[in-house]
Amino acid sequence: MNIVKGSLVFANAGRDKGDCFAVLEIDGNFAYIANGKERKVLKPKRKNIKHISATNCVINISELTNKKLKKLISEFLQKDLQEDEETAYHQS
């Protein structure tokens, strides 16, 4: 999947490994990502796009606040977890 502004991504490397973030900006081979907690919207983390993986979810980042971002990521993770549980149940 392509990484675009508003994509929800997972960090594959570094101290953020495994965490979910939103892409706020793309600059060449780097993405500026935030999650509203450790990485705030006003001070996003600069991360090489090789070190993140895209999900199939894209959010609207206009007028985004840390509180809204935390809520959107939390809802996405809950939905993703439920889908994983349903898939595992049907495979049994």
C-alpha atoms as a PDB file:
ATOM      1  CA  MET A   1       0.000   0.000   0.000  1.00  0.00           C
ATOM      2  CA  ASN A   2       1.091   3.537  -0.632  1.00  0.00           C
ATOM      3  CA  ILE A   3       1.724   5.862   2.253  1.00  0.00           C
ATOM      4  CA  VAL A   4      -0.136   9.162   1.853  1.00  0.00           C
ATOM      5  CA  LYS A   5      -1.065  12.059   4.121  1.00  0.00           C
ATOM      6  CA  GLY A   6      -3.643  10.788   6.583  1.00  0.00           C
ATOM      7  CA  SER A   7      -2.598   7.124   6.372  1.00  0.00           C
ATOM      8  CA  LEU A   8      -2.579   5.165   9.590  1.00  0.00           C
ATOM      9  CA  VAL A   9       0.716   3.291   9.774  1.00  0.00           C
ATOM     10  CA  PHE A  10       2.614   0.983  12.091  1.00  0.00           C
ATOM     11  CA  ALA A  11       6.254   1.588  12.999  1.00  0.00           C
ATOM     12  CA  ASN A  12       8.450  -1.384  12.066  1.00  0.00           C
ATOM     13  CA  ALA A  13      11.717  -0.143  13.584  1.00  0.00           C
ATOM     14  CA  GLY A  14      13.045   1.996  16.407  1.00  0.00           C
ATOM     15  CA  ARG A  15      11.696   2.674  19.853  1.00  0.00           C
ATOM     16  CA  ASP A  16       8.233   3.210  18.327  1.00  0.00           C
ATOM     17  CA  LYS A  17       8.156  -0.323  16.862  1.00  0.00           C
ATOM     18  CA  GLY A  18       4.642  -1.773  16.872  1.00  0.00           C
ATOM     19  CA  ASP A  19       2.899   1.526  17.606  1.00  0.00           C
ATOM     20  CA  CYS A  20       0.216   3.031  15.383  1.00  0.00           C
ATOM     21  CA  PHE A  21       0.581   6.563  13.989  1.00  0.00           C
ATOM     22  CA  ALA A  22      -1.021   8.930  11.494  1.00  0.00           C
ATOM     23  CA  VAL A  23       1.056  10.389   8.672  1.00  0.00           C
ATOM     24  CA  LEU A  24       0.828  14.188   8.827  1.00  0.00           C
ATOM     25  CA  GLU A  25       3.292  15.039   6.047  1.00  0.00           C
ATOM     26  CA  ILE A  26       5.512  13.316   3.500  1.00  0.00           C
ATOM     27  CA  ASP A  27       8.872  14.768   2.489  1.00  0.00           C
ATOM     28  CA  GLY A  28      10.807  12.613   0.030  1.00  0.00           C
ATOM     29  CA  ASN A  29      11.726   9.370   1.793  1.00  0.00           C
ATOM     30  CA  PHE A  30      10.500  10.596   5.162  1.00  0.00           C
ATOM     31  CA  ALA A  31       7.092  10.764   6.793  1.00  0.00           C
ATOM     32  CA  TYR A  32       6.168  12.951   9.740  1.00  0.00           C
ATOM     33  CA  ILE A  33       4.044  10.844  12.074  1.00  0.00           C
ATOM     34  CA  ALA A  34       2.117  11.479  15.283  1.00  0.00           C
ATOM     35  CA  ASN A  35      -0.112   9.513  17.629  1.00  0.00           C
ATOM     36  CA  GLY A  36      -1.334  12.279  19.955  1.00  0.00           C
ATOM     37  CA  LYS A  37       0.433  10.801  22.989  1.00  0.00           C
ATOM     38  CA  GLU A  38       4.222  10.653  22.877  1.00  0.00           C
ATOM     39  CA  ARG A  39       4.334  12.199  19.403  1.00  0.00           C
ATOM     40  CA  LYS A  40       2.119  15.273  19.344  1.00  0.00           C
ATOM     41  CA  VAL A  41       0.495  16.778  16.254  1.00  0.00           C
ATOM     42  CA  LEU A  42       2.517  19.983  16.607  1.00  0.00           C
ATOM     43  CA  LYS A  43       5.820  18.090  16.960  1.00  0.00           C
ATOM     44  CA  PRO A  44       5.626  14.916  14.837  1.00  0.00           C
ATOM     45  CA  LYS A  45       8.356  12.303  14.543  1.00  0.00           C
ATOM     46  CA  ARG A  46      10.388  12.230  11.320  1.00  0.00           C
ATOM     47  CA  LYS A  47      10.548   8.588  10.230  1.00  0.00           C
ATOM     48  CA  ASN A  48      12.007   6.925   7.141  1.00  0.00           C
ATOM     49  CA  ILE A  49       9.169   5.419   5.086  1.00  0.00           C
ATOM     50  CA  LYS A  50      11.147   2.163   4.931  1.00  0.00           C
ATOM     51  CA  HIS A  51      10.536   1.829   8.665  1.00  0.00           C
ATOM     52  CA  ILE A  52       6.732   2.110   8.579  1.00  0.00           C
ATOM     53  CA  SER A  53       4.005  -0.029   7.039  1.00  0.00           C
ATOM     54  CA  ALA A  54       0.701   1.324   5.792  1.00  0.00           C
ATOM     55  CA  THR A  55      -2.720   0.076   6.784  1.00  0.00           C
ATOM     56  CA  ASN A  56      -5.839   0.277   4.650  1.00  0.00           C
ATOM     57  CA  CYS A  57      -7.141   3.228   6.672  1.00  0.00           C
ATOM     58  CA  VAL A  58      -6.803   6.908   5.747  1.00  0.00           C
ATOM     59  CA  ILE A  59      -8.140   9.679   7.983  1.00  0.00           C
ATOM     60  CA  ASN A  60      -8.894  13.354   7.417  1.00  0.00           C
ATOM     61  CA  ILE A  61      -6.062  15.296   9.044  1.00  0.00           C
ATOM     62  CA  SER A  62      -7.468  18.797   8.631  1.00  0.00           C
ATOM     63  CA  GLU A  63      -8.219  20.391  12.017  1.00  0.00           C
ATOM     64  CA  LEU A  64      -6.695  17.374  13.762  1.00  0.00           C
ATOM     65  CA  THR A  65      -5.990  17.672  17.486  1.00  0.00           C
ATOM     66  CA  ASN A  66      -4.093  15.302  19.766  1.00  0.00           C
ATOM     67  CA  LYS A  67      -7.356  14.267  21.436  1.00  0.00           C
ATOM     68  CA  LYS A  68      -9.071  13.498  18.114  1.00  0.00           C
ATOM     69  CA  LEU A  69      -6.023  11.612  16.865  1.00  0.00           C
ATOM     70  CA  LYS A  70      -5.824   9.438  19.983  1.00  0.00           C
ATOM     71  CA  LYS A  71      -9.525   8.611  19.612  1.00  0.00           C
ATOM     72  CA  LEU A  72      -9.234   7.751  15.901  1.00  0.00           C
ATOM     73  CA  ILE A  73      -6.227   5.490  16.466  1.00  0.00           C
ATOM     74  CA  SER A  74      -7.923   3.794  19.415  1.00  0.00           C
ATOM     75  CA  GLU A  75     -11.071   3.129  17.344  1.00  0.00           C
ATOM     76  CA  PHE A  76      -8.971   1.776  14.472  1.00  0.00           C
ATOM     77  CA  LEU A  77      -7.054  -0.577  16.767  1.00  0.00           C
ATOM     78  CA  GLN A  78     -10.277  -1.841  18.384  1.00  0.00           C
ATOM     79  CA  LYS A  79     -11.814  -2.507  14.969  1.00  0.00           C
ATOM     80  CA  ASP A  80      -8.638  -4.206  13.757  1.00  0.00           C
ATOM     81  CA  LEU A  81      -8.521  -6.390  16.882  1.00  0.00           C
ATOM     82  CA  GLN A  82     -12.157  -7.448  16.434  1.00  0.00           C
ATOM     83  CA  GLU A  83     -11.526  -8.382  12.783  1.00  0.00           C
ATOM     84  CA  ASP A  84      -8.486 -10.447  13.802  1.00  0.00           C
ATOM     85  CA  GLU A  85     -10.522 -12.295  16.431  1.00  0.00           C
ATOM     86  CA  GLU A  86     -13.321 -13.024  13.932  1.00  0.00           C
ATOM     87  CA  THR A  87     -10.821 -14.307  11.370  1.00  0.00           C
ATOM     88  CA  ALA A  88      -9.168 -16.566  13.952  1.00  0.00           C
ATOM     89  CA  TYR A  89     -12.582 -17.871  15.066  1.00  0.00           C
ATOM     90  CA  HIS A  90     -13.641 -18.728  11.509  1.00  0.00           C
ATOM     91  CA  GLN A  91     -10.347 -20.508  10.789  1.00  0.00           C
ATOM     92  CA  SER A  92     -10.764 -22.825  13.788  1.00  0.00           C
END
